[in-house]
PDB file of N, CA and C in Angstrom:
ATOM      1  N   UNK A   1      70.360 -88.285 112.867  1.00  0.00           N
ATOM      2  CA  UNK A   1      69.383 -87.564 113.674  1.00  0.00           C
ATOM      3  C   UNK A   1      70.009 -86.280 114.230  1.00  0.00           C
ATOM      4  N   UNK A   2      71.270 -86.385 114.636  1.00  0.00           N
ATOM      5  CA  UNK A   2      71.964 -85.232 115.201  1.00  0.00           C
ATOM      6  C   UNK A   2      72.111 -84.125 114.155  1.00  0.00           C
ATOM      7  N   UNK A   3      72.400 -84.479 112.923  1.00  0.00           N
ATOM      8  CA  UNK A   3      72.577 -83.496 111.850  1.00  0.00           C
ATOM      9  C   UNK A   3      71.263 -82.788 111.532  1.00  0.00           C
ATOM     10  N   UNK A   4      70.155 -83.501 111.616  1.00  0.00           N
ATOM     11  CA  UNK A   4      68.845 -82.891 111.349  1.00  0.00           C
ATOM     12  C   UNK A   4      68.517 -81.856 112.418  1.00  0.00           C
ATOM     13  N   UNK A   5      68.802 -82.168 113.679  1.00  0.00           N
ATOM     14  CA  UNK A   5      68.535 -81.220 114.765  1.00  0.00           C
ATOM     15  C   UNK A   5      69.412 -79.976 114.640  1.00  0.00           C
ATOM     16  N   UNK A   6      70.672 -80.165 114.292  1.00  0.00           N
ATOM     17  CA  UNK A   6      71.575 -79.025 114.121  1.00  0.00           C
ATOM     18  C   UNK A   6      71.124 -78.167 112.940  1.00  0.00           C
ATOM     19  N   UNK A   7      70.692 -78.803 111.864  1.00  0.00           N
ATOM     20  CA  UNK A   7      70.200 -78.059 110.706  1.00  0.00           C
ATOM     21  C   UNK A   7      68.933 -77.269 111.055  1.00  0.00           C
ATOM     22  N   UNK A   8      68.032 -77.881 111.802  1.00  0.00           N
ATOM     23  CA  UNK A   8      66.809 -77.182 112.221  1.00  0.00           C
ATOM     24  C   UNK A   8      67.145 -76.015 113.150  1.00  0.00           C
ATOM     25  N   UNK A   9      68.074 -76.248 114.071  1.00  0.00           N
ATOM     26  CA  UNK A   9      68.488 -75.180 114.987  1.00  0.00           C
ATOM     27  C   UNK A   9      69.125 -74.027 114.222  1.00  0.00           C
ATOM     28  N   UNK A  10      69.961 -74.342 113.242  1.00  0.00           N
ATOM     29  CA  UNK A  10      70.609 -73.301 112.436  1.00  0.00           C
ATOM     30  C   UNK A  10      69.592 -72.500 111.624  1.00  0.00           C
ATOM     31  N   UNK A  11      68.586 -73.163 111.079  1.00  0.00           N
ATOM     32  CA  UNK A  11      67.585 -72.432 110.297  1.00  0.00           C
ATOM     33  C   UNK A  11      66.729 -71.542 111.197  1.00  0.00           C
ATOM     34  N   UNK A  12      66.397 -72.003 112.406  1.00  0.00           N
ATOM     35  CA  UNK A  12      65.647 -71.170 113.350  1.00  0.00           C
ATOM     36  C   UNK A  12      66.501 -69.993 113.791  1.00  0.00           C
ATOM     37  N   UNK A  13      67.768 -70.242 114.067  1.00  0.00           N
ATOM     38  CA  UNK A  13      68.671 -69.177 114.483  1.00  0.00           C
ATOM     39  C   UNK A  13      68.870 -68.155 113.360  1.00  0.00           C
ATOM     40  N   UNK A  14      68.975 -68.616 112.126  1.00  0.00           N
ATOM     41  CA  UNK A  14      69.125 -67.719 110.988  1.00  0.00           C
ATOM     42  C   UNK A  14      67.880 -66.844 110.841  1.00  0.00           C
ATOM     43  N   UNK A  15      66.702 -67.413 111.075  1.00  0.00           N
ATOM     44  CA  UNK A  15      65.469 -66.624 111.000  1.00  0.00           C
ATOM     45  C   UNK A  15      65.419 -65.573 112.107  1.00  0.00           C
ATOM     46  N   UNK A  16      65.785 -65.976 113.328  1.00  0.00           N
ATOM     47  CA  UNK A  16      65.710 -65.046 114.453  1.00  0.00           C
ATOM     48  C   UNK A  16      66.723 -63.915 114.336  1.00  0.00           C
ATOM     49  N   UNK A  17      67.853 -64.185 113.744  1.00  0.00           N
ATOM     50  CA  UNK A  17      68.885 -63.171 113.605  1.00  0.00           C
ATOM     51  C   UNK A  17      68.882 -62.512 112.230  1.00  0.00           C
ATOM     52  N   UNK A  18      67.875 -62.803 111.440  1.00  0.00           N
ATOM     53  CA  UNK A  18      67.771 -62.205 110.108  1.00  0.00           C
ATOM     54  C   UNK A  18      67.483 -60.723 110.187  1.00  0.00           C
ATOM     55  N   UNK A  19      67.654 -60.056 109.074  1.00  0.00           N
ATOM     56  CA  UNK A  19      67.489 -58.607 109.042  1.00  0.00           C
ATOM     57  C   UNK A  19      66.061 -58.183 109.345  1.00  0.00           C
ATOM     58  N   UNK A  20      65.092 -58.922 108.863  1.00  0.00           N
ATOM     59  CA  UNK A  20      63.699 -58.523 109.076  1.00  0.00           C
ATOM     60  C   UNK A  20      63.343 -58.548 110.555  1.00  0.00           C
ATOM     61  N   UNK A  21      63.797 -59.546 111.269  1.00  0.00           N
ATOM     62  CA  UNK A  21      63.480 -59.643 112.693  1.00  0.00           C
ATOM     63  C   UNK A  21      64.194 -58.556 113.478  1.00  0.00           C
ATOM     64  N   UNK A  22      65.436 -58.305 113.158  1.00  0.00           N
ATOM     65  CA  UNK A  22      66.193 -57.269 113.865  1.00  0.00           C
ATOM     66  C   UNK A  22      65.581 -55.895 113.598  1.00  0.00           C
ATOM     67  N   UNK A  23      65.186 -55.628 112.353  1.00  0.00           N
ATOM     68  CA  UNK A  23      64.547 -54.350 112.036  1.00  0.00           C
ATOM     69  C   UNK A  23      63.218 -54.211 112.770  1.00  0.00           C
ATOM     70  N   UNK A  24      62.471 -55.292 112.885  1.00  0.00           N
ATOM     71  CA  UNK A  24      61.200 -55.237 113.613  1.00  0.00           C
ATOM     72  C   UNK A  24      61.428 -54.910 115.078  1.00  0.00           C
ATOM     73  N   UNK A  25      62.432 -55.513 115.673  1.00  0.00           N
ATOM     74  CA  UNK A  25      62.745 -55.223 117.076  1.00  0.00           C
ATOM     75  C   UNK A  25      63.180 -53.763 117.225  1.00  0.00           C
ATOM     76  N   UNK A  26      63.974 -53.274 116.291  1.00  0.00           N
ATOM     77  CA  UNK A  26      64.411 -51.876 116.340  1.00  0.00           C
ATOM     78  C   UNK A  26      63.217 -50.939 116.218  1.00  0.00           C
ATOM     79  N   UNK A  27      62.274 -51.243 115.322  1.00  0.00           N
ATOM     80  CA  UNK A  27      61.084 -50.412 115.175  1.00  0.00           C
ATOM     81  C   UNK A  27      60.260 -50.391 116.453  1.00  0.00           C
ATOM     82  N   UNK A  28      60.107 -51.533 117.098  1.00  0.00           N
ATOM     83  CA  UNK A  28      59.326 -51.596 118.339  1.00  0.00           C
ATOM     84  C   UNK A  28      60.013 -50.791 119.433  1.00  0.00           C
ATOM     85  N   UNK A  29      61.321 -50.932 119.553  1.00  0.00           N
ATOM     86  CA  UNK A  29      62.061 -50.189 120.578  1.00  0.00           C
ATOM     87  C   UNK A  29      61.996 -48.688 120.304  1.00  0.00           C
ATOM     88  N   UNK A  30      62.161 -48.278 119.049  1.00  0.00           N
ATOM     89  CA  UNK A  30      62.071 -46.856 118.712  1.00  0.00           C
ATOM     90  C   UNK A  30      60.682 -46.295 118.991  1.00  0.00           C
ATOM     91  N   UNK A  31      59.652 -47.064 118.688  1.00  0.00           N
ATOM     92  CA  UNK A  31      58.287 -46.614 118.970  1.00  0.00           C
ATOM     93  C   UNK A  31      58.081 -46.417 120.455  1.00  0.00           C
ATOM     94  N   UNK A  32      58.556 -47.354 121.253  1.00  0.00           N
ATOM     95  CA  UNK A  32      58.417 -47.234 122.708  1.00  0.00           C
ATOM     96  C   UNK A  32      59.209 -46.039 123.238  1.00  0.00           C
ATOM     97  N   UNK A  33      60.444 -45.873 122.764  1.00  0.00           N
ATOM     98  CA  UNK A  33      61.271 -44.756 123.228  1.00  0.00           C
ATOM     99  C   UNK A  33      60.663 -43.405 122.857  1.00  0.00           C
ATOM    100  N   UNK A  34      60.162 -43.289 121.644  1.00  0.00           N
ATOM    101  CA  UNK A  34      59.570 -42.024 121.219  1.00  0.00           C
ATOM    102  C   UNK A  34      58.327 -41.714 122.037  1.00  0.00           C
ATOM    103  N   UNK A  35      57.495 -42.721 122.303  1.00  0.00           N
ATOM    104  CA  UNK A  35      56.293 -42.465 123.105  1.00  0.00           C
ATOM    105  C   UNK A  35      56.659 -42.065 124.527  1.00  0.00           C
ATOM    106  N   UNK A  36      57.698 -42.657 125.086  1.00  0.00           N
ATOM    107  CA  UNK A  36      58.116 -42.279 126.439  1.00  0.00           C
ATOM    108  C   UNK A  36      58.730 -40.880 126.467  1.00  0.00           C
ATOM    109  N   UNK A  37      59.526 -40.549 125.467  1.00  0.00           N
ATOM    110  CA  UNK A  37      60.130 -39.213 125.409  1.00  0.00           C
ATOM    111  C   UNK A  37      59.051 -38.147 125.258  1.00  0.00           C
ATOM    112  N   UNK A  38      58.043 -38.427 124.447  1.00  0.00           N
ATOM    113  CA  UNK A  38      56.958 -37.461 124.263  1.00  0.00           C
ATOM    114  C   UNK A  38      56.163 -37.295 125.544  1.00  0.00           C
ATOM    115  N   UNK A  39      55.927 -38.377 126.280  1.00  0.00           N
ATOM    116  CA  UNK A  39      55.178 -38.250 127.535  1.00  0.00           C
ATOM    117  C   UNK A  39      55.973 -37.453 128.573  1.00  0.00           C
ATOM    118  N   UNK A  40      57.296 -37.630 128.611  1.00  0.00           N
ATOM    119  CA  UNK A  40      58.118 -36.850 129.545  1.00  0.00           C
ATOM    120  C   UNK A  40      58.151 -35.384 129.121  1.00  0.00           C
ATOM    121  N   UNK A  41      58.295 -35.132 127.823  1.00  0.00           N
ATOM    122  CA  UNK A  41      58.318 -33.749 127.337  1.00  0.00           C
ATOM    123  C   UNK A  41      56.971 -33.068 127.547  1.00  0.00           C
ATOM    124  N   UNK A  42      55.898 -33.826 127.465  1.00  0.00           N
ATOM    125  CA  UNK A  42      54.564 -33.267 127.674  1.00  0.00           C
ATOM    126  C   UNK A  42      54.384 -32.800 129.112  1.00  0.00           C
ATOM    127  N   UNK A  43      54.998 -33.490 130.054  1.00  0.00           N
ATOM    128  CA  UNK A  43      54.912 -33.082 131.459  1.00  0.00           C
ATOM    129  C   UNK A  43      55.710 -31.806 131.713  1.00  0.00           C
ATOM    130  N   UNK A  44      56.770 -31.579 130.933  1.00  0.00           N
ATOM    131  CA  UNK A  44      57.601 -30.393 131.113  1.00  0.00           C
ATOM    132  C   UNK A  44      56.986 -29.139 130.494  1.00  0.00           C
ATOM    133  N   UNK A  45      56.088 -29.316 129.538  1.00  0.00           N
ATOM    134  CA  UNK A  45      55.460 -28.171 128.890  1.00  0.00           C
ATOM    135  C   UNK A  45      54.414 -27.555 129.809  1.00  0.00           C
ATOM    136  N   UNK A  46      54.137 -26.270 129.640  1.00  0.00           N
ATOM    137  CA  UNK A  46      53.107 -25.648 130.483  1.00  0.00           C
ATOM    138  C   UNK A  46      51.729 -26.237 130.188  1.00  0.00           C
ATOM    139  N   UNK A  47      50.871 -26.180 131.204  1.00  0.00           N
ATOM    140  CA  UNK A  47      49.550 -26.794 131.075  1.00  0.00           C
ATOM    141  C   UNK A  47      48.673 -26.085 130.046  1.00  0.00           C
ATOM    142  N   UNK A  48      48.636 -24.787 130.111  1.00  0.00           N
ATOM    143  CA  UNK A  48      47.770 -24.083 129.172  1.00  0.00           C
ATOM    144  C   UNK A  48      48.447 -22.800 128.714  1.00  0.00           C
ATOM    145  N   UNK A  49      48.238 -22.518 127.472  1.00  0.00           N
ATOM    146  CA  UNK A  49      48.668 -21.234 126.935  1.00  0.00           C
ATOM    147  C   UNK A  49      47.419 -20.527 126.447  1.00  0.00           C
ATOM    148  N   UNK A  50      47.408 -19.258 126.552  1.00  0.00           N
ATOM    149  CA  UNK A  50      46.238 -18.485 126.155  1.00  0.00           C
ATOM    150  C   UNK A  50      46.349 -18.075 124.694  1.00  0.00           C
ATOM    151  N   UNK A  51      46.460 -19.066 123.811  1.00  0.00           N
ATOM    152  CA  UNK A  51      46.583 -18.767 122.390  1.00  0.00           C
ATOM    153  C   UNK A  51      45.325 -18.109 121.852  1.00  0.00           C
ATOM    154  N   UNK A  52      44.180 -18.574 122.312  1.00  0.00           N
ATOM    155  CA  UNK A  52      42.925 -17.985 121.839  1.00  0.00           C
ATOM    156  C   UNK A  52      42.862 -16.519 122.239  1.00  0.00           C
ATOM    157  N   UNK A  53      43.255 -16.233 123.459  1.00  0.00           N
ATOM    158  CA  UNK A  53      43.248 -14.849 123.934  1.00  0.00           C
ATOM    159  C   UNK A  53      44.256 -14.004 123.148  1.00  0.00           C
ATOM    160  N   UNK A  54      45.411 -14.587 122.828  1.00  0.00           N
ATOM    161  CA  UNK A  54      46.409 -13.850 122.048  1.00  0.00           C
ATOM    162  C   UNK A  54      45.920 -13.559 120.634  1.00  0.00           C
ATOM    163  N   UNK A  55      45.271 -14.546 120.014  1.00  0.00           N
ATOM    164  CA  UNK A  55      44.756 -14.320 118.666  1.00  0.00           C
ATOM    165  C   UNK A  55      43.571 -13.358 118.669  1.00  0.00           C
ATOM    166  N   UNK A  56      42.778 -13.368 119.722  1.00  0.00           N
ATOM    167  CA  UNK A  56      41.661 -12.423 119.816  1.00  0.00           C
ATOM    168  C   UNK A  56      42.153 -10.991 120.000  1.00  0.00           C
ATOM    169  N   UNK A  57      43.364 -10.823 120.497  1.00  0.00           N
ATOM    170  CA  UNK A  57      43.913  -9.485 120.705  1.00  0.00           C
ATOM    171  C   UNK A  57      44.385  -8.839 119.405  1.00  0.00           C
ATOM    172  N   UNK A  58      44.506  -9.628 118.331  1.00  0.00           N
ATOM    173  CA  UNK A  58      44.931  -9.056 117.050  1.00  0.00           C
ATOM    174  C   UNK A  58      43.825  -8.180 116.472  1.00  0.00           C
ATOM    175  N   UNK A  59      44.188  -7.042 115.907  1.00  0.00           N
ATOM    176  CA  UNK A  59      43.157  -6.184 115.300  1.00  0.00           C
ATOM    177  C   UNK A  59      42.607  -6.796 114.012  1.00  0.00           C
ATOM    178  N   UNK A  60      41.462  -6.296 113.585  1.00  0.00           N
ATOM    179  CA  UNK A  60      40.807  -6.830 112.389  1.00  0.00           C
ATOM    180  C   UNK A  60      41.646  -6.632 111.134  1.00  0.00           C
ATOM    181  N   UNK A  61      42.413  -5.553 111.077  1.00  0.00           N
ATOM    182  CA  UNK A  61      43.230  -5.308 109.884  1.00  0.00           C
ATOM    183  C   UNK A  61      44.316  -6.375 109.733  1.00  0.00           C
ATOM    184  N   UNK A  62      44.864  -6.825 110.849  1.00  0.00           N
ATOM    185  CA  UNK A  62      45.881  -7.893 110.795  1.00  0.00           C
ATOM    186  C   UNK A  62      45.234  -9.192 110.344  1.00  0.00           C
ATOM    187  N   UNK A  63      44.049  -9.495 110.877  1.00  0.00           N
ATOM    188  CA  UNK A  63      43.342 -10.710 110.466  1.00  0.00           C
ATOM    189  C   UNK A  63      43.010 -10.674 108.980  1.00  0.00           C
ATOM    190  N   UNK A  64      42.657  -9.490 108.464  1.00  0.00           N
ATOM    191  CA  UNK A  64      42.340  -9.368 107.042  1.00  0.00           C
ATOM    192  C   UNK A  64      43.536  -9.781 106.188  1.00  0.00           C
ATOM    193  N   UNK A  65      44.718  -9.253 106.508  1.00  0.00           N
ATOM    194  CA  UNK A  65      45.896  -9.571 105.699  1.00  0.00           C
ATOM    195  C   UNK A  65      46.387 -10.998 105.928  1.00  0.00           C
ATOM    196  N   UNK A  66      46.195 -11.520 107.132  1.00  0.00           N
ATOM    197  CA  UNK A  66      46.559 -12.922 107.368  1.00  0.00           C
ATOM    198  C   UNK A  66      45.680 -13.852 106.546  1.00  0.00           C
ATOM    199  N   UNK A  67      44.388 -13.573 106.508  1.00  0.00           N
ATOM    200  CA  UNK A  67      43.484 -14.404 105.707  1.00  0.00           C
ATOM    201  C   UNK A  67      43.697 -14.184 104.219  1.00  0.00           C
ATOM    202  N   UNK A  68      44.043 -12.959 103.822  1.00  0.00           N
ATOM    203  CA  UNK A  68      44.302 -12.673 102.414  1.00  0.00           C
ATOM    204  C   UNK A  68      45.526 -13.444 101.921  1.00  0.00           C
ATOM    205  N   UNK A  69      46.532 -13.573 102.775  1.00  0.00           N
ATOM    206  CA  UNK A  69      47.754 -14.296 102.412  1.00  0.00           C
ATOM    207  C   UNK A  69      47.640 -15.797 102.669  1.00  0.00           C
ATOM    208  N   UNK A  70      46.465 -16.268 103.105  1.00  0.00           N
ATOM    209  CA  UNK A  70      46.232 -17.696 103.383  1.00  0.00           C
ATOM    210  C   UNK A  70      47.236 -18.241 104.394  1.00  0.00           C
ATOM    211  N   UNK A  71      47.527 -17.465 105.418  1.00  0.00           N
ATOM    212  CA  UNK A  71      48.485 -17.882 106.447  1.00  0.00           C
ATOM    213  C   UNK A  71      48.002 -19.115 107.216  1.00  0.00           C
ATOM    214  N   UNK A  72      46.718 -19.217 107.607  1.00  0.00           N
ATOM    215  CA  UNK A  72      46.303 -20.443 108.320  1.00  0.00           C
ATOM    216  C   UNK A  72      46.508 -21.714 107.495  1.00  0.00           C
ATOM    217  N   UNK A  73      46.191 -21.651 106.200  1.00  0.00           N
ATOM    218  CA  UNK A  73      46.390 -22.808 105.329  1.00  0.00           C
ATOM    219  C   UNK A  73      47.881 -23.113 105.170  1.00  0.00           C
ATOM    220  N   UNK A  74      48.686 -22.074 105.013  1.00  0.00           N
ATOM    221  CA  UNK A  74      50.131 -22.261 104.874  1.00  0.00           C
ATOM    222  C   UNK A  74      50.759 -22.853 106.119  1.00  0.00           C
ATOM    223  N   UNK A  75      50.320 -22.404 107.300  1.00  0.00           N
ATOM    224  CA  UNK A  75      50.858 -22.965 108.544  1.00  0.00           C
ATOM    225  C   UNK A  75      50.504 -24.435 108.693  1.00  0.00           C
ATOM    226  N   UNK A  76      49.272 -24.804 108.320  1.00  0.00           N
ATOM    227  CA  UNK A  76      48.910 -26.220 108.420  1.00  0.00           C
ATOM    228  C   UNK A  76      49.737 -27.059 107.452  1.00  0.00           C
ATOM    229  N   UNK A  77      50.022 -26.529 106.256  1.00  0.00           N
ATOM    230  CA  UNK A  77      50.878 -27.256 105.310  1.00  0.00           C
ATOM    231  C   UNK A  77      52.295 -27.421 105.839  1.00  0.00           C
ATOM    232  N   UNK A  78      52.840 -26.358 106.403  1.00  0.00           N
ATOM    233  CA  UNK A  78      54.218 -26.402 106.906  1.00  0.00           C
ATOM    234  C   UNK A  78      54.334 -27.382 108.058  1.00  0.00           C
ATOM    235  N   UNK A  79      53.401 -27.321 109.015  1.00  0.00           N
ATOM    236  CA  UNK A  79      53.491 -28.213 110.168  1.00  0.00           C
ATOM    237  C   UNK A  79      53.252 -29.672 109.787  1.00  0.00           C
ATOM    238  N   UNK A  80      52.333 -29.933 108.860  1.00  0.00           N
ATOM    239  CA  UNK A  80      52.121 -31.317 108.444  1.00  0.00           C
ATOM    240  C   UNK A  80      53.329 -31.854 107.680  1.00  0.00           C
ATOM    241  N   UNK A  81      53.978 -31.016 106.872  1.00  0.00           N
ATOM    242  CA  UNK A  81      55.169 -31.490 106.160  1.00  0.00           C
ATOM    243  C   UNK A  81      56.336 -31.714 107.118  1.00  0.00           C
ATOM    244  N   UNK A  82      56.467 -30.862 108.141  1.00  0.00           N
ATOM    245  CA  UNK A  82      57.519 -31.082 109.137  1.00  0.00           C
ATOM    246  C   UNK A  82      57.276 -32.361 109.925  1.00  0.00           C
ATOM    247  N   UNK A  83      56.020 -32.629 110.269  1.00  0.00           N
ATOM    248  CA  UNK A  83      55.695 -33.860 110.984  1.00  0.00           C
ATOM    249  C   UNK A  83      55.983 -35.080 110.120  1.00  0.00           C
ATOM    250  N   UNK A  84      55.620 -35.013 108.843  1.00  0.00           N
ATOM    251  CA  UNK A  84      55.894 -36.130 107.938  1.00  0.00           C
ATOM    252  C   UNK A  84      57.394 -36.344 107.779  1.00  0.00           C
ATOM    253  N   UNK A  85      58.152 -35.263 107.657  1.00  0.00           N
ATOM    254  CA  UNK A  85      59.614 -35.381 107.545  1.00  0.00           C
ATOM    255  C   UNK A  85      60.205 -35.999 108.805  1.00  0.00           C
ATOM    256  N   UNK A  86      59.686 -35.606 109.973  1.00  0.00           N
ATOM    257  CA  UNK A  86      60.173 -36.164 111.230  1.00  0.00           C
ATOM    258  C   UNK A  86      59.884 -37.658 111.310  1.00  0.00           C
ATOM    259  N   UNK A  87      58.677 -38.060 110.924  1.00  0.00           N
ATOM    260  CA  UNK A  87      58.313 -39.483 110.986  1.00  0.00           C
ATOM    261  C   UNK A  87      59.191 -40.292 110.047  1.00  0.00           C
ATOM    262  N   UNK A  88      59.394 -39.810 108.816  1.00  0.00           N
ATOM    263  CA  UNK A  88      60.254 -40.538 107.889  1.00  0.00           C
ATOM    264  C   UNK A  88      61.707 -40.514 108.336  1.00  0.00           C
ATOM    265  N   UNK A  89      62.125 -39.482 109.027  1.00  0.00           N
ATOM    266  CA  UNK A  89      63.490 -39.424 109.545  1.00  0.00           C
ATOM    267  C   UNK A  89      63.727 -40.419 110.660  1.00  0.00           C
ATOM    268  N   UNK A  90      62.675 -40.811 111.367  1.00  0.00           N
ATOM    269  CA  UNK A  90      62.807 -41.773 112.458  1.00  0.00           C
ATOM    270  C   UNK A  90      62.950 -43.204 111.952  1.00  0.00           C
ATOM    271  N   UNK A  91      62.541 -43.468 110.724  1.00  0.00           N
ATOM    272  CA  UNK A  91      62.651 -44.816 110.178  1.00  0.00           C
ATOM    273  C   UNK A  91      64.105 -45.092 109.808  1.00  0.00           C
ATOM    274  N   UNK A  92      64.707 -46.119 110.371  1.00  0.00           N
ATOM    275  CA  UNK A  92      66.119 -46.394 110.068  1.00  0.00           C
ATOM    276  C   UNK A  92      66.359 -46.747 108.607  1.00  0.00           C
ATOM    277  N   UNK A  93      65.383 -47.327 107.943  1.00  0.00           N
ATOM    278  CA  UNK A  93      65.571 -47.748 106.561  1.00  0.00           C
ATOM    279  C   UNK A  93      65.511 -46.546 105.624  1.00  0.00           C
ATOM    280  N   UNK A  94      64.601 -45.601 105.909  1.00  0.00           N
ATOM    281  CA  UNK A  94      64.360 -44.481 105.017  1.00  0.00           C
ATOM    282  C   UNK A  94      65.099 -43.232 105.465  1.00  0.00           C
ATOM    283  N   UNK A  95      65.358 -43.103 106.770  1.00  0.00           N
ATOM    284  CA  UNK A  95      65.881 -41.864 107.344  1.00  0.00           C
ATOM    285  C   UNK A  95      67.242 -41.455 106.830  1.00  0.00           C
ATOM    286  N   UNK A  96      67.659 -40.292 107.245  1.00  0.00           N
ATOM    287  CA  UNK A  96      68.916 -39.719 106.768  1.00  0.00           C
ATOM    288  C   UNK A  96      70.078 -40.356 107.482  1.00  0.00           C
TER     289      UNK A  96
END
C-alpha cells in the first residue's frame, strides 16, 4: 500500500513539475507582467496629442505625394509587423 501511494505521489509531482505546466505558469506570469507594465506606461504618457490638428496643418501637395506613395498603407503594415514581432519575441518558446 505504501509503494502505491509513493508511486501516485511521484506521478502527480512529475506532472506538476513537467515542462508543460512550468511553461503555462511562465506564460501566465508574463501576461500579467506585460499588462501591468503597459498600464503603468499608459499613465506616464500624455493624455492627448493633437495628431489630427498636426495632420490637418499639412498642405494639400504633401497629402498628394503621401497618398501617391501609399504611406498610410505602408505605415499600417510596418506597425502591424512590429507588433507581431514583439508578440512572438515575448514567447519563451519562439522568441529570440
